[in-house]
Amino acid sequence: EQFDLDGLDVAPDWWDLRHPDRPTKYQVKSTSLTIGKKYPGNGRFRVWEKQTRSLIRSDAQATAWYAFVLFDESDGVFRVQRRRPSTVNTIVQERGGWNDSGHQMGKQYKLPFDAVL
């Protein structure tokens, strides 16, 4: 699904945006087609286990989304795709599960952009 960010407010905590008229939460993740200068690679979205679980709980009433934003720095083209938090969790589990991040944020997964777009 294409996703329009117009009309959304910035929100605190484990989500980035919230619709002003509904309790819907949006966690926005962004990347470029390629990242890194010394060791370039394909872009990826960093998702967090605790954040995903929080969004899954909110999504019980269809009120939470991940919004994935892909930028192409060479020509300015970008795509936006939204996914249910439970779908994102399923994708992570199918790819081997959550990994230790090595710091306070807990477990993470670096999701390749082509896994969700």
PDB file of N, CA and C in Angstrom:
ATOM      1  N   GLU A   1       0.838  -1.184   0.000  1.00  0.00           N
ATOM      2  CA  GLU A   1       0.000   0.000   0.000  1.00  0.00           C
ATOM      3  C   GLU A   1       0.881   1.246   0.000  1.00  0.00           C
ATOM      4  N   GLN A   2       0.507   2.227  -0.756  1.00  0.00           N
ATOM      5  CA  GLN A   2       1.183   3.512  -0.672  1.00  0.00           C
ATOM      6  C   GLN A   2       0.639   4.237   0.540  1.00  0.00           C
ATOM      7  N   PHE A   3       1.442   5.102   1.120  1.00  0.00           N
ATOM      8  CA  PHE A   3       1.069   5.740   2.375  1.00  0.00           C
ATOM      9  C   PHE A   3       1.369   7.226   2.304  1.00  0.00           C
ATOM     10  N   ASP A   4       0.403   8.052   2.614  1.00  0.00           N
ATOM     11  CA  ASP A   4       0.543   9.500   2.587  1.00  0.00           C
ATOM     12  C   ASP A   4       0.736  10.011   4.010  1.00  0.00           C
ATOM     13  N   LEU A   5       1.817  10.751   4.262  1.00  0.00           N
ATOM     14  CA  LEU A   5       2.113  11.242   5.604  1.00  0.00           C
ATOM     15  C   LEU A   5       1.464  12.586   5.896  1.00  0.00           C
ATOM     16  N   ASP A   6       0.754  13.170   4.940  1.00  0.00           N
ATOM     17  CA  ASP A   6       0.092  14.452   5.183  1.00  0.00           C
ATOM     18  C   ASP A   6      -0.940  14.313   6.292  1.00  0.00           C
ATOM     19  N   GLY A   7      -1.034  15.332   7.123  1.00  0.00           N
ATOM     20  CA  GLY A   7      -2.051  15.368   8.157  1.00  0.00           C
ATOM     21  C   GLY A   7      -1.705  14.602   9.411  1.00  0.00           C
ATOM     22  N   LEU A   8      -0.479  14.087   9.525  1.00  0.00           N
ATOM     23  CA  LEU A   8      -0.088  13.355  10.721  1.00  0.00           C
ATOM     24  C   LEU A   8       0.752  14.240  11.632  1.00  0.00           C
ATOM     25  N   ASP A   9       0.623  14.041  12.925  1.00  0.00           N
ATOM     26  CA  ASP A   9       1.378  14.802  13.918  1.00  0.00           C
ATOM     27  C   ASP A   9       2.542  13.979  14.433  1.00  0.00           C
ATOM     28  N   VAL A  10       3.643  14.651  14.773  1.00  0.00           N
ATOM     29  CA  VAL A  10       4.763  13.979  15.410  1.00  0.00           C
ATOM     30  C   VAL A  10       4.323  13.549  16.805  1.00  0.00           C
ATOM     31  N   ALA A  11       4.646  12.332  17.203  1.00  0.00           N
ATOM     32  CA  ALA A  11       4.244  11.802  18.499  1.00  0.00           C
ATOM     33  C   ALA A  11       5.466  11.317  19.268  1.00  0.00           C
ATOM     34  N   PRO A  12       5.375  11.224  20.584  1.00  0.00           N
ATOM     35  CA  PRO A  12       6.512  10.819  21.418  1.00  0.00           C
ATOM     36  C   PRO A  12       6.631   9.306  21.547  1.00  0.00           C
ATOM     37  N   ASP A  13       7.662   8.866  22.238  1.00  0.00           N
ATOM     38  CA  ASP A  13       7.773   7.508  22.733  1.00  0.00           C
ATOM     39  C   ASP A  13       8.205   6.524  21.663  1.00  0.00           C
ATOM     40  N   TRP A  14       7.508   5.372  21.573  1.00  0.00           N
ATOM     41  CA  TRP A  14       7.903   4.296  20.676  1.00  0.00           C
ATOM     42  C   TRP A  14       7.365   4.473  19.274  1.00  0.00           C
ATOM     43  N   TRP A  15       6.712   5.544  18.979  1.00  0.00           N
ATOM     44  CA  TRP A  15       6.228   5.778  17.625  1.00  0.00           C
ATOM     45  C   TRP A  15       6.572   7.187  17.216  1.00  0.00           C
ATOM     46  N   ASP A  16       6.545   7.455  15.945  1.00  0.00           N
ATOM     47  CA  ASP A  16       6.966   8.742  15.407  1.00  0.00           C
ATOM     48  C   ASP A  16       5.814   9.667  15.059  1.00  0.00           C
ATOM     49  N   LEU A  17       4.741   9.121  14.547  1.00  0.00           N
ATOM     50  CA  LEU A  17       3.624   9.933  14.071  1.00  0.00           C
ATOM     51  C   LEU A  17       2.315   9.390  14.619  1.00  0.00           C
ATOM     52  N   ARG A  18       1.344  10.282  14.702  1.00  0.00           N
ATOM     53  CA  ARG A  18       0.018   9.879  15.148  1.00  0.00           C
ATOM     54  C   ARG A  18      -1.008  10.672  14.355  1.00  0.00           C
ATOM     55  N   HIS A  19      -2.066  10.025  13.935  1.00  0.00           N
ATOM     56  CA  HIS A  19      -3.128  10.720  13.227  1.00  0.00           C
ATOM     57  C   HIS A  19      -3.891  11.586  14.229  1.00  0.00           C
ATOM     58  N   PRO A  20      -4.164  12.863  13.904  1.00  0.00           N
ATOM     59  CA  PRO A  20      -4.799  13.751  14.879  1.00  0.00           C
ATOM     60  C   PRO A  20      -6.237  13.373  15.228  1.00  0.00           C
ATOM     61  N   ASP A  21      -6.929  12.641  14.366  1.00  0.00           N
ATOM     62  CA  ASP A  21      -8.329  12.309  14.616  1.00  0.00           C
ATOM     63  C   ASP A  21      -8.557  10.861  15.039  1.00  0.00           C
ATOM     64  N   ARG A  22      -7.512  10.051  15.025  1.00  0.00           N
ATOM     65  CA  ARG A  22      -7.637   8.639  15.375  1.00  0.00           C
ATOM     66  C   ARG A  22      -6.453   8.247  16.263  1.00  0.00           C
ATOM     67  N   PRO A  23      -6.576   7.163  17.003  1.00  0.00           N
ATOM     68  CA  PRO A  23      -5.471   6.755  17.887  1.00  0.00           C
ATOM     69  C   PRO A  23      -4.358   5.989  17.168  1.00  0.00           C
ATOM     70  N   THR A  24      -4.304   6.061  15.863  1.00  0.00           N
ATOM     71  CA  THR A  24      -3.333   5.303  15.084  1.00  0.00           C
ATOM     72  C   THR A  24      -1.915   5.816  15.296  1.00  0.00           C
ATOM     73  N   LYS A  25      -0.981   4.882  15.520  1.00  0.00           N
ATOM     74  CA  LYS A  25       0.442   5.199  15.692  1.00  0.00           C
ATOM     75  C   LYS A  25       1.189   4.750  14.444  1.00  0.00           C
ATOM     76  N   TYR A  26       2.188   5.533  14.054  1.00  0.00           N
ATOM     77  CA  TYR A  26       3.028   5.197  12.911  1.00  0.00           C
ATOM     78  C   TYR A  26       4.483   5.265  13.333  1.00  0.00           C
ATOM     79  N   GLN A  27       5.211   4.178  13.160  1.00  0.00           N
ATOM     80  CA  GLN A  27       6.649   4.185  13.386  1.00  0.00           C
ATOM     81  C   GLN A  27       7.294   4.289  12.022  1.00  0.00           C
ATOM     82  N   VAL A  28       8.048   5.359  11.797  1.00  0.00           N
ATOM     83  CA  VAL A  28       8.649   5.613  10.494  1.00  0.00           C
ATOM     84  C   VAL A  28      10.104   5.156  10.505  1.00  0.00           C
ATOM     85  N   LYS A  29      10.462   4.367   9.514  1.00  0.00           N
ATOM     86  CA  LYS A  29      11.835   3.905   9.323  1.00  0.00           C
ATOM     87  C   LYS A  29      12.263   4.337   7.930  1.00  0.00           C
ATOM     88  N   SER A  30      13.489   4.836   7.810  1.00  0.00           N
ATOM     89  CA  SER A  30      13.951   5.290   6.498  1.00  0.00           C
ATOM     90  C   SER A  30      15.362   4.804   6.213  1.00  0.00           C
ATOM     91  N   THR A  31      15.649   4.690   4.934  1.00  0.00           N
ATOM     92  CA  THR A  31      16.981   4.337   4.467  1.00  0.00           C
ATOM     93  C   THR A  31      17.138   4.816   3.028  1.00  0.00           C
ATOM     94  N   SER A  32      18.378   4.785   2.560  1.00  0.00           N
ATOM     95  CA  SER A  32      18.682   5.082   1.161  1.00  0.00           C
ATOM     96  C   SER A  32      18.906   3.765   0.425  1.00  0.00           C
ATOM     97  N   LEU A  33      18.890   3.834  -0.899  1.00  0.00           N
ATOM     98  CA  LEU A  33      19.155   2.627  -1.687  1.00  0.00           C
ATOM     99  C   LEU A  33      20.494   2.011  -1.319  1.00  0.00           C
ATOM    100  N   THR A  34      21.501   2.851  -1.144  1.00  0.00           N
ATOM    101  CA  THR A  34      22.816   2.375  -0.701  1.00  0.00           C
ATOM    102  C   THR A  34      23.253   3.189   0.504  1.00  0.00           C
ATOM    103  N   ILE A  35      24.024   2.555   1.390  1.00  0.00           N
ATOM    104  CA  ILE A  35      24.541   3.223   2.578  1.00  0.00           C
ATOM    105  C   ILE A  35      26.021   2.912   2.721  1.00  0.00           C
ATOM    106  N   GLY A  36      26.723   3.773   3.424  1.00  0.00           N
ATOM    107  CA  GLY A  36      28.139   3.564   3.693  1.00  0.00           C
ATOM    108  C   GLY A  36      29.021   4.041   2.561  1.00  0.00           C
ATOM    109  N   LYS A  37      30.067   4.756   2.909  1.00  0.00           N
ATOM    110  CA  LYS A  37      31.009   5.240   1.901  1.00  0.00           C
ATOM    111  C   LYS A  37      32.228   4.332   1.805  1.00  0.00           C
ATOM    112  N   LYS A  38      32.778   3.942   2.955  1.00  0.00           N
ATOM    113  CA  LYS A  38      33.969   3.092   2.955  1.00  0.00           C
ATOM    114  C   LYS A  38      33.626   1.668   2.510  1.00  0.00           C
ATOM    115  N   TYR A  39      32.502   1.140   3.029  1.00  0.00           N
ATOM    116  CA  TYR A  39      32.037  -0.203   2.671  1.00  0.00           C
ATOM    117  C   TYR A  39      30.574  -0.098   2.246  1.00  0.00           C
ATOM    118  N   PRO A  40      30.319   0.365   1.024  1.00  0.00           N
ATOM    119  CA  PRO A  40      28.928   0.565   0.609  1.00  0.00           C
ATOM    120  C   PRO A  40      28.141  -0.737   0.540  1.00  0.00           C
ATOM    121  N   GLY A  41      26.870  -0.611   0.847  1.00  0.00           N
ATOM    122  CA  GLY A  41      25.975  -1.760   0.778  1.00  0.00           C
ATOM    123  C   GLY A  41      24.558  -1.292   0.516  1.00  0.00           C
ATOM    124  N   ASN A  42      23.663  -2.234   0.386  1.00  0.00           N
ATOM    125  CA  ASN A  42      22.262  -1.893   0.192  1.00  0.00           C
ATOM    126  C   ASN A  42      21.675  -1.341   1.487  1.00  0.00           C
ATOM    127  N   GLY A  43      20.734  -0.430   1.344  1.00  0.00           N
ATOM    128  CA  GLY A  43      20.083   0.162   2.504  1.00  0.00           C
ATOM    129  C   GLY A  43      19.296  -0.857   3.307  1.00  0.00           C
ATOM    130  N   ARG A  44      19.133  -0.553   4.593  1.00  0.00           N
ATOM    131  CA  ARG A  44      18.353  -1.428   5.474  1.00  0.00           C
ATOM    132  C   ARG A  44      17.680  -0.578   6.556  1.00  0.00           C
ATOM    133  N   PHE A  45      16.603  -1.103   7.077  1.00  0.00           N
ATOM    134  CA  PHE A  45      15.843  -0.453   8.138  1.00  0.00           C
ATOM    135  C   PHE A  45      16.170  -1.140   9.454  1.00  0.00           C
ATOM    136  N   ARG A  46      16.492  -0.363  10.487  1.00  0.00           N
ATOM    137  CA  ARG A  46      16.746  -0.944  11.800  1.00  0.00           C
ATOM    138  C   ARG A  46      15.435  -0.950  12.572  1.00  0.00           C
ATOM    139  N   VAL A  47      14.952  -2.147  12.888  1.00  0.00           N
ATOM    140  CA  VAL A  47      13.748  -2.296  13.692  1.00  0.00           C
ATOM    141  C   VAL A  47      14.133  -2.916  15.029  1.00  0.00           C
ATOM    142  N   TRP A  48      13.385  -2.554  16.054  1.00  0.00           N
ATOM    143  CA  TRP A  48      13.684  -2.980  17.419  1.00  0.00           C
ATOM    144  C   TRP A  48      12.599  -3.921  17.930  1.00  0.00           C
ATOM    145  N   GLU A  49      13.007  -4.945  18.647  1.00  0.00           N
ATOM    146  CA  GLU A  49      12.054  -5.926  19.161  1.00  0.00           C
ATOM    147  C   GLU A  49      11.040  -5.291  20.111  1.00  0.00           C
ATOM    148  N   LYS A  50      11.493  -4.523  21.110  1.00  0.00           N
ATOM    149  CA  LYS A  50      10.567  -3.919  22.075  1.00  0.00           C
ATOM    150  C   LYS A  50       9.598  -2.970  21.382  1.00  0.00           C
ATOM    151  N   GLN A  51      10.092  -2.213  20.456  1.00  0.00           N
ATOM    152  CA  GLN A  51       9.254  -1.280  19.704  1.00  0.00           C
ATOM    153  C   GLN A  51       8.195  -2.042  18.899  1.00  0.00           C
ATOM    154  N   THR A  52       8.615  -3.100  18.253  1.00  0.00           N
ATOM    155  CA  THR A  52       7.701  -3.904  17.455  1.00  0.00           C
ATOM    156  C   THR A  52       6.626  -4.534  18.327  1.00  0.00           C
ATOM    157  N   ARG A  53       7.022  -5.072  19.474  1.00  0.00           N
ATOM    158  CA  ARG A  53       6.040  -5.682  20.382  1.00  0.00           C
ATOM    159  C   ARG A  53       5.041  -4.642  20.894  1.00  0.00           C
ATOM    160  N   SER A  54       5.509  -3.456  21.204  1.00  0.00           N
ATOM    161  CA  SER A  54       4.620  -2.374  21.645  1.00  0.00           C
ATOM    162  C   SER A  54       3.614  -2.024  20.554  1.00  0.00           C
ATOM    163  N   LEU A  55       4.100  -1.931  19.321  1.00  0.00           N
ATOM    164  CA  LEU A  55       3.206  -1.625  18.200  1.00  0.00           C
ATOM    165  C   LEU A  55       2.222  -2.762  17.937  1.00  0.00           C
ATOM    166  N   ILE A  56       2.663  -4.003  18.101  1.00  0.00           N
ATOM    167  CA  ILE A  56       1.761  -5.142  17.914  1.00  0.00           C
ATOM    168  C   ILE A  56       0.621  -5.067  18.927  1.00  0.00           C
ATOM    169  N   ARG A  57       0.930  -4.725  20.181  1.00  0.00           N
ATOM    170  CA  ARG A  57      -0.129  -4.586  21.185  1.00  0.00           C
ATOM    171  C   ARG A  57      -1.113  -3.486  20.783  1.00  0.00           C
ATOM    172  N   SER A  58      -0.618  -2.377  20.266  1.00  0.00           N
ATOM    173  CA  SER A  58      -1.490  -1.282  19.826  1.00  0.00           C
ATOM    174  C   SER A  58      -2.292  -1.663  18.599  1.00  0.00           C
ATOM    175  N   ASP A  59      -1.770  -2.579  17.831  1.00  0.00           N
ATOM    176  CA  ASP A  59      -2.417  -2.947  16.576  1.00  0.00           C
ATOM    177  C   ASP A  59      -3.592  -3.906  16.773  1.00  0.00           C
ATOM    178  N   ALA A  60      -3.880  -4.278  18.001  1.00  0.00           N
ATOM    179  CA  ALA A  60      -5.024  -5.165  18.254  1.00  0.00           C
ATOM    180  C   ALA A  60      -6.327  -4.551  17.748  1.00  0.00           C
ATOM    181  N   GLN A  61      -6.396  -3.227  17.704  1.00  0.00           N
ATOM    182  CA  GLN A  61      -7.566  -2.533  17.170  1.00  0.00           C
ATOM    183  C   GLN A  61      -7.246  -1.871  15.827  1.00  0.00           C
ATOM    184  N   ALA A  62      -6.251  -2.411  15.115  1.00  0.00           N
ATOM    185  CA  ALA A  62      -5.823  -1.863  13.816  1.00  0.00           C
ATOM    186  C   ALA A  62      -5.413  -0.408  13.946  1.00  0.00           C
ATOM    187  N   THR A  63      -4.608  -0.135  14.963  1.00  0.00           N
ATOM    188  CA  THR A  63      -4.214   1.251  15.224  1.00  0.00           C
ATOM    189  C   THR A  63      -2.709   1.469  15.221  1.00  0.00           C
ATOM    190  N   ALA A  64      -1.948   0.635  14.537  1.00  0.00           N
ATOM    191  CA  ALA A  64      -0.498   0.820  14.491  1.00  0.00           C
ATOM    192  C   ALA A  64       0.050   0.346  13.147  1.00  0.00           C
ATOM    193  N   TRP A  65       1.025   1.084  12.666  1.00  0.00           N
ATOM    194  CA  TRP A  65       1.679   0.770  11.394  1.00  0.00           C
ATOM    195  C   TRP A  65       3.163   1.090  11.480  1.00  0.00           C
ATOM    196  N   TYR A  66       3.956   0.355  10.724  1.00  0.00           N
ATOM    197  CA  TYR A  66       5.298   0.790  10.352  1.00  0.00           C
ATOM    198  C   TYR A  66       5.163   1.476   9.001  1.00  0.00           C
ATOM    199  N   ALA A  67       5.856   2.587   8.823  1.00  0.00           N
ATOM    200  CA  ALA A  67       5.944   3.243   7.515  1.00  0.00           C
ATOM    201  C   ALA A  67       7.418   3.208   7.107  1.00  0.00           C
ATOM    202  N   PHE A  68       7.721   2.520   6.019  1.00  0.00           N
ATOM    203  CA  PHE A  68       9.084   2.387   5.526  1.00  0.00           C
ATOM    204  C   PHE A  68       9.287   3.358   4.369  1.00  0.00           C
ATOM    205  N   VAL A  69      10.336   4.182   4.479  1.00  0.00           N
ATOM    206  CA  VAL A  69      10.616   5.220   3.489  1.00  0.00           C
ATOM    207  C   VAL A  69      11.963   4.920   2.842  1.00  0.00           C
ATOM    208  N   LEU A  70      11.984   4.825   1.519  1.00  0.00           N
ATOM    209  CA  LEU A  70      13.208   4.540   0.761  1.00  0.00           C
ATOM    210  C   LEU A  70      13.555   5.743  -0.102  1.00  0.00           C
ATOM    211  N   PHE A  71      14.784   6.230   0.059  1.00  0.00           N
ATOM    212  CA  PHE A  71      15.276   7.372  -0.708  1.00  0.00           C
ATOM    213  C   PHE A  71      16.290   6.906  -1.739  1.00  0.00           C
ATOM    214  N   ASP A  72      16.267   7.519  -2.898  1.00  0.00           N
ATOM    215  CA  ASP A  72      17.298   7.323  -3.910  1.00  0.00           C
ATOM    216  C   ASP A  72      17.997   8.667  -4.050  1.00  0.00           C
ATOM    217  N   GLU A  73      19.173   8.785  -3.456  1.00  0.00           N
ATOM    218  CA  GLU A  73      19.874  10.069  -3.410  1.00  0.00           C
ATOM    219  C   GLU A  73      20.300  10.576  -4.778  1.00  0.00           C
ATOM    220  N   SER A  74      20.466   9.693  -5.753  1.00  0.00           N
ATOM    221  CA  SER A  74      20.924  10.140  -7.068  1.00  0.00           C
ATOM    222  C   SER A  74      19.869  10.904  -7.844  1.00  0.00           C
ATOM    223  N   ASP A  75      18.603  10.515  -7.705  1.00  0.00           N
ATOM    224  CA  ASP A  75      17.560  11.228  -8.451  1.00  0.00           C
ATOM    225  C   ASP A  75      16.401  11.716  -7.592  1.00  0.00           C
ATOM    226  N   GLY A  76      16.539  11.598  -6.291  1.00  0.00           N
ATOM    227  CA  GLY A  76      15.528  12.124  -5.392  1.00  0.00           C
ATOM    228  C   GLY A  76      14.245  11.317  -5.308  1.00  0.00           C
ATOM    229  N   VAL A  77      14.183  10.172  -5.957  1.00  0.00           N
ATOM    230  CA  VAL A  77      12.982   9.351  -5.933  1.00  0.00           C
ATOM    231  C   VAL A  77      12.897   8.650  -4.581  1.00  0.00           C
ATOM    232  N   PHE A  78      11.702   8.562  -4.049  1.00  0.00           N
ATOM    233  CA  PHE A  78      11.513   7.791  -2.830  1.00  0.00           C
ATOM    234  C   PHE A  78      10.207   7.029  -2.900  1.00  0.00           C
ATOM    235  N   ARG A  79      10.128   5.981  -2.098  1.00  0.00           N
ATOM    236  CA  ARG A  79       8.912   5.181  -1.973  1.00  0.00           C
ATOM    237  C   ARG A  79       8.545   5.104  -0.505  1.00  0.00           C
ATOM    238  N   VAL A  80       7.272   5.025  -0.241  1.00  0.00           N
ATOM    239  CA  VAL A  80       6.778   4.836   1.115  1.00  0.00           C
ATOM    240  C   VAL A  80       5.847   3.634   1.099  1.00  0.00           C
ATOM    241  N   GLN A  81       6.067   2.728   2.022  1.00  0.00           N
ATOM    242  CA  GLN A  81       5.261   1.512   2.122  1.00  0.00           C
ATOM    243  C   GLN A  81       4.888   1.324   3.585  1.00  0.00           C
ATOM    244  N   ARG A  82       3.641   1.014   3.867  1.00  0.00           N
ATOM    245  CA  ARG A  82       3.304   0.732   5.252  1.00  0.00           C
ATOM    246  C   ARG A  82       3.062  -0.754   5.434  1.00  0.00           C
ATOM    247  N   ARG A  83       3.392  -1.230   6.641  1.00  0.00           N
ATOM    248  CA  ARG A  83       3.224  -2.644   6.992  1.00  0.00           C
ATOM    249  C   ARG A  83       2.713  -2.741   8.418  1.00  0.00           C
ATOM    250  N   ARG A  84       1.915  -3.738   8.664  1.00  0.00           N
ATOM    251  CA  ARG A  84       1.464  -4.022  10.024  1.00  0.00           C
ATOM    252  C   ARG A  84       2.666  -4.461  10.860  1.00  0.00           C
ATOM    253  N   PRO A  85       2.717  -4.103  12.133  1.00  0.00           N
ATOM    254  CA  PRO A  85       3.820  -4.542  12.997  1.00  0.00           C
ATOM    255  C   PRO A  85       3.945  -6.065  13.068  1.00  0.00           C
ATOM    256  N   SER A  86       2.819  -6.773  13.066  1.00  0.00           N
ATOM    257  CA  SER A  86       2.875  -8.238  13.105  1.00  0.00           C
ATOM    258  C   SER A  86       3.521  -8.799  11.836  1.00  0.00           C
ATOM    259  N   THR A  87       3.300  -8.153  10.708  1.00  0.00           N
ATOM    260  CA  THR A  87       3.934  -8.572   9.454  1.00  0.00           C
ATOM    261  C   THR A  87       5.436  -8.359   9.528  1.00  0.00           C
ATOM    262  N   VAL A  88       5.844  -7.228  10.080  1.00  0.00           N
ATOM    263  CA  VAL A  88       7.286  -6.947  10.239  1.00  0.00           C
ATOM    264  C   VAL A  88       7.910  -7.996  11.154  1.00  0.00           C
ATOM    265  N   ASN A  89       7.242  -8.331  12.255  1.00  0.00           N
ATOM    266  CA  ASN A  89       7.761  -9.351  13.158  1.00  0.00           C
ATOM    267  C   ASN A  89       7.885 -10.693  12.446  1.00  0.00           C
ATOM    268  N   THR A  90       6.910 -11.050  11.638  1.00  0.00           N
ATOM    269  CA  THR A  90       6.961 -12.307  10.876  1.00  0.00           C
ATOM    270  C   THR A  90       8.152 -12.309   9.917  1.00  0.00           C
ATOM    271  N   ILE A  91       8.377 -11.204   9.225  1.00  0.00           N
ATOM    272  CA  ILE A  91       9.519 -11.103   8.303  1.00  0.00           C
ATOM    273  C   ILE A  91      10.829 -11.302   9.064  1.00  0.00           C
ATOM    274  N   VAL A  92      10.950 -10.661  10.233  1.00  0.00           N
ATOM    275  CA  VAL A  92      12.165 -10.809  11.056  1.00  0.00           C
ATOM    276  C   VAL A  92      12.336 -12.265  11.477  1.00  0.00           C
ATOM    277  N   GLN A  93      11.266 -12.906  11.940  1.00  0.00           N
ATOM    278  CA  GLN A  93      11.355 -14.306  12.382  1.00  0.00           C
ATOM    279  C   GLN A  93      11.745 -15.228  11.228  1.00  0.00           C
ATOM    280  N   GLU A  94      11.207 -14.979  10.048  1.00  0.00           N
ATOM    281  CA  GLU A  94      11.543 -15.805   8.880  1.00  0.00           C
ATOM    282  C   GLU A  94      12.994 -15.640   8.458  1.00  0.00           C
ATOM    283  N   ARG A  95      13.623 -14.539   8.851  1.00  0.00           N
ATOM    284  CA  ARG A  95      15.009 -14.266   8.478  1.00  0.00           C
ATOM    285  C   ARG A  95      15.986 -14.601   9.602  1.00  0.00           C
ATOM    286  N   GLY A  96      15.535 -15.294  10.629  1.00  0.00           N
ATOM    287  CA  GLY A  96      16.449 -15.732  11.684  1.00  0.00           C
ATOM    288  C   GLY A  96      16.211 -15.121  13.045  1.00  0.00           C
ATOM    289  N   GLY A  97      15.324 -14.157  13.152  1.00  0.00           N
ATOM    290  CA  GLY A  97      14.961 -13.599  14.455  1.00  0.00           C
ATOM    291  C   GLY A  97      15.793 -12.397  14.878  1.00  0.00           C
ATOM    292  N   TRP A  98      15.487 -11.927  16.065  1.00  0.00           N
ATOM    293  CA  TRP A  98      16.103 -10.723  16.627  1.00  0.00           C
ATOM    294  C   TRP A  98      17.544 -10.982  17.023  1.00  0.00           C
ATOM    295  N   ASN A  99      18.387  -9.939  16.913  1.00  0.00           N
ATOM    296  CA  ASN A  99      19.806 -10.019  17.256  1.00  0.00           C
ATOM    297  C   ASN A  99      20.124  -9.037  18.377  1.00  0.00           C
ATOM    298  N   ASP A 100      21.107  -9.387  19.192  1.00  0.00           N
ATOM    299  CA  ASP A 100      21.548  -8.487  20.256  1.00  0.00           C
ATOM    300  C   ASP A 100      22.204  -7.260  19.630  1.00  0.00           C
ATOM    301  N   SER A 101      21.769  -6.085  20.044  1.00  0.00           N
ATOM    302  CA  SER A 101      22.322  -4.845  19.483  1.00  0.00           C
ATOM    303  C   SER A 101      23.596  -4.413  20.190  1.00  0.00           C
ATOM    304  N   GLY A 102      23.822  -4.916  21.404  1.00  0.00           N
ATOM    305  CA  GLY A 102      25.017  -4.539  22.146  1.00  0.00           C
ATOM    306  C   GLY A 102      24.869  -3.252  22.939  1.00  0.00           C
ATOM    307  N   HIS A 103      23.672  -2.708  23.020  1.00  0.00           N
ATOM    308  CA  HIS A 103      23.454  -1.522  23.860  1.00  0.00           C
ATOM    309  C   HIS A 103      22.042  -1.517  24.423  1.00  0.00           C
ATOM    310  N   GLN A 104      21.675  -0.456  25.119  1.00  0.00           N
ATOM    311  CA  GLN A 104      20.451  -0.387  25.919  1.00  0.00           C
ATOM    312  C   GLN A 104      19.154  -0.576  25.156  1.00  0.00           C
ATOM    313  N   MET A 105      19.133  -0.357  23.886  1.00  0.00           N
ATOM    314  CA  MET A 105      17.884  -0.454  23.129  1.00  0.00           C
ATOM    315  C   MET A 105      17.375  -1.893  23.000  1.00  0.00           C
ATOM    316  N   GLY A 106      18.181  -2.851  23.365  1.00  0.00           N
ATOM    317  CA  GLY A 106      17.734  -4.239  23.306  1.00  0.00           C
ATOM    318  C   GLY A 106      18.013  -4.892  21.961  1.00  0.00           C
ATOM    319  N   LYS A 107      17.173  -5.848  21.612  1.00  0.00           N
ATOM    320  CA  LYS A 107      17.382  -6.607  20.383  1.00  0.00           C
ATOM    321  C   LYS A 107      16.869  -5.836  19.167  1.00  0.00           C
ATOM    322  N   GLN A 108      17.530  -6.087  18.041  1.00  0.00           N
ATOM    323  CA  GLN A 108      17.237  -5.372  16.803  1.00  0.00           C
ATOM    324  C   GLN A 108      17.283  -6.329  15.627  1.00  0.00           C
ATOM    325  N   TYR A 109      16.869  -5.814  14.487  1.00  0.00           N
ATOM    326  CA  TYR A 109      17.085  -6.509  13.227  1.00  0.00           C
ATOM    327  C   TYR A 109      17.290  -5.442  12.161  1.00  0.00           C
ATOM    328  N   LYS A 110      18.303  -5.627  11.335  1.00  0.00           N
ATOM    329  CA  LYS A 110      18.568  -4.719  10.219  1.00  0.00           C
ATOM    330  C   LYS A 110      17.927  -5.333   8.978  1.00  0.00           C
ATOM    331  N   LEU A 111      16.765  -4.829   8.667  1.00  0.00           N
ATOM    332  CA  LEU A 111      15.902  -5.385   7.631  1.00  0.00           C
ATOM    333  C   LEU A 111      16.240  -4.782   6.276  1.00  0.00           C
ATOM    334  N   PRO A 112      16.699  -5.585   5.295  1.00  0.00           N
ATOM    335  CA  PRO A 112      16.984  -5.069   3.966  1.00  0.00           C
ATOM    336  C   PRO A 112      15.736  -4.418   3.366  1.00  0.00           C
ATOM    337  N   PHE A 113      15.940  -3.309   2.648  1.00  0.00           N
ATOM    338  CA  PHE A 113      14.781  -2.590   2.130  1.00  0.00           C
ATOM    339  C   PHE A 113      13.911  -3.450   1.215  1.00  0.00           C
ATOM    340  N   ASP A 114      14.520  -4.362   0.493  1.00  0.00           N
ATOM    341  CA  ASP A 114      13.721  -5.176  -0.424  1.00  0.00           C
ATOM    342  C   ASP A 114      12.880  -6.239   0.280  1.00  0.00           C
ATOM    343  N   ALA A 115      13.039  -6.385   1.581  1.00  0.00           N
ATOM    344  CA  ALA A 115      12.200  -7.321   2.330  1.00  0.00           C
ATOM    345  C   ALA A 115      10.823  -6.749   2.635  1.00  0.00           C
ATOM    346  N   VAL A 116      10.686  -5.425   2.565  1.00  0.00           N
ATOM    347  CA  VAL A 116       9.395  -4.790   2.880  1.00  0.00           C
ATOM    348  C   VAL A 116       8.849  -3.953   1.746  1.00  0.00           C
ATOM    349  N   LEU A 117       9.664  -3.633   0.738  1.00  0.00           N
ATOM    350  CA  LEU A 117       9.200  -2.812  -0.376  1.00  0.00           C
ATOM    351  C   LEU A 117       9.053  -3.628  -1.643  1.00  0.00           C
TER     352      LEU A 117
END
